[in-house]
Amino acid sequence: QETWCELIGPAGLVVSQEIRIGLLIMGPGLIYPAHRHPATEWCHVLSGTGQWGQCSQPTLPRTPPAALFHWPDEPHAMTTHQESVLAL
C-alpha cells in the first residue's frame, strides 16, 4: 500500500508549475519496481527503513536522515520490509 500527498505543485496546497514537494508513505512488504521518469527526484527518508536502489547498483538499506537523488531517466526502485517508510 502506497499513498502520497502533494504539498507544493500543480495540485498542492501551494500551487507551483515548476516544482513538486510532497509526502510519501509506503506500507510494509511493498515492492516499488524499477522505474524512470524525466523529472529529477530527491527523496529524504523521515522514518522507517527501506531498501533503495539506483541504476544497476545493489539496493542498500536507508534510514533517517538519508537523502537520495535520482537524475532524470535514472532507473530506481524501493522495497519495504516489516515497517512503513515515510519520505519527503
Protein backbone atom coordinates (compact mmCIF):
# COMPACT_ATOMS: atom_id res chain seq x y z
CA GLN A 1 0.00 0.00 0.00
CA GLU A 2 1.32 3.41 -1.00
CA THR A 3 -0.09 6.90 -0.68
CA TRP A 4 1.21 10.40 -1.14
CA CYS A 5 0.16 13.99 -0.57
CA GLU A 6 1.32 16.87 -2.74
CA LEU A 7 2.14 19.92 -0.61
CA ILE A 8 3.60 22.12 -3.35
CA GLY A 9 2.86 21.55 -7.04
CA PRO A 10 0.07 21.73 -9.61
CA ALA A 11 -2.40 20.10 -7.18
CA GLY A 12 -0.73 21.16 -3.91
CA LEU A 13 -1.73 23.45 -1.09
CA VAL A 14 0.79 25.85 -2.60
CA VAL A 15 0.35 25.89 -6.38
CA SER A 16 3.51 25.68 -8.49
CA GLN A 17 4.10 24.56 -12.05
CA GLU A 18 7.88 24.40 -11.52
CA ILE A 19 8.33 22.08 -8.52
CA ARG A 20 6.52 19.31 -6.64
CA ILE A 21 7.03 18.58 -2.96
CA GLY A 22 5.03 16.03 -1.05
CA LEU A 23 4.96 13.25 1.49
CA LEU A 24 5.08 9.57 0.54
CA ILE A 25 4.09 6.67 2.79
CA MET A 26 4.95 3.16 1.66
CA GLY A 27 3.50 0.34 3.76
CA PRO A 28 5.31 -2.79 4.94
CA GLY A 29 6.15 -5.51 2.42
CA LEU A 30 5.90 -3.21 -0.60
CA ILE A 31 7.93 -3.59 -3.77
CA TYR A 32 8.10 -0.43 -5.88
CA PRO A 33 9.71 -1.82 -9.04
CA ALA A 34 12.45 -0.11 -11.02
CA HIS A 35 11.09 2.82 -12.99
CA ARG A 36 12.30 6.06 -14.50
CA HIS A 37 10.82 9.44 -15.35
CA PRO A 38 12.00 12.68 -16.95
CA ALA A 39 11.91 14.64 -13.68
CA THR A 40 14.83 14.93 -11.29
CA GLU A 41 13.85 13.44 -7.93
CA TRP A 42 15.16 13.94 -4.42
CA CYS A 43 13.87 11.83 -1.51
CA HIS A 44 14.51 12.40 2.17
CA VAL A 45 13.72 9.43 4.44
CA LEU A 46 11.83 10.69 7.51
CA SER A 47 11.01 7.37 9.22
CA GLY A 48 11.34 3.64 8.66
CA THR A 49 13.89 1.61 6.74
CA GLY A 50 13.65 0.83 3.05
CA GLN A 51 15.93 -0.82 0.50
CA TRP A 52 16.69 1.77 -2.19
CA GLY A 53 18.42 1.00 -5.46
CA GLN A 54 19.65 3.20 -8.29
CA CYS A 55 20.67 2.18 -11.80
CA SER A 56 22.42 -1.18 -11.67
CA GLN A 57 23.78 -0.61 -8.14
CA PRO A 58 22.77 -3.07 -5.40
CA THR A 59 19.96 -1.96 -3.10
CA LEU A 60 21.03 -0.54 0.25
CA PRO A 61 19.07 -0.02 3.45
CA ARG A 62 18.25 3.65 4.04
CA THR A 63 17.11 5.10 7.34
CA PRO A 64 16.53 8.67 8.53
CA PRO A 65 18.07 11.09 7.73
CA ALA A 66 19.10 9.51 4.41
CA ALA A 67 18.68 11.60 1.27
CA LEU A 68 18.60 10.10 -2.22
CA PHE A 69 18.95 11.88 -5.55
CA HIS A 70 17.77 10.49 -8.89
CA TRP A 71 18.84 12.09 -12.15
CA PRO A 72 16.31 12.39 -14.99
CA ASP A 73 15.59 8.98 -16.55
CA GLU A 74 17.78 7.20 -13.96
CA PRO A 75 16.22 3.83 -13.04
CA HIS A 76 15.45 3.50 -9.33
CA ALA A 77 13.45 1.15 -7.09
CA MET A 78 12.45 0.75 -3.46
CA THR A 79 11.34 -2.11 -1.19
CA THR A 80 9.98 -2.00 2.34
CA HIS A 81 10.15 -4.90 4.76
CA GLN A 82 8.48 -5.05 8.18
CA GLU A 83 7.81 -1.35 8.67
CA SER A 84 6.36 1.55 6.73
CA VAL A 85 8.58 4.24 5.24
CA LEU A 86 7.74 7.95 5.28
CA ALA A 87 9.66 10.15 2.85
CA LEU A 88 9.58 13.77 1.77
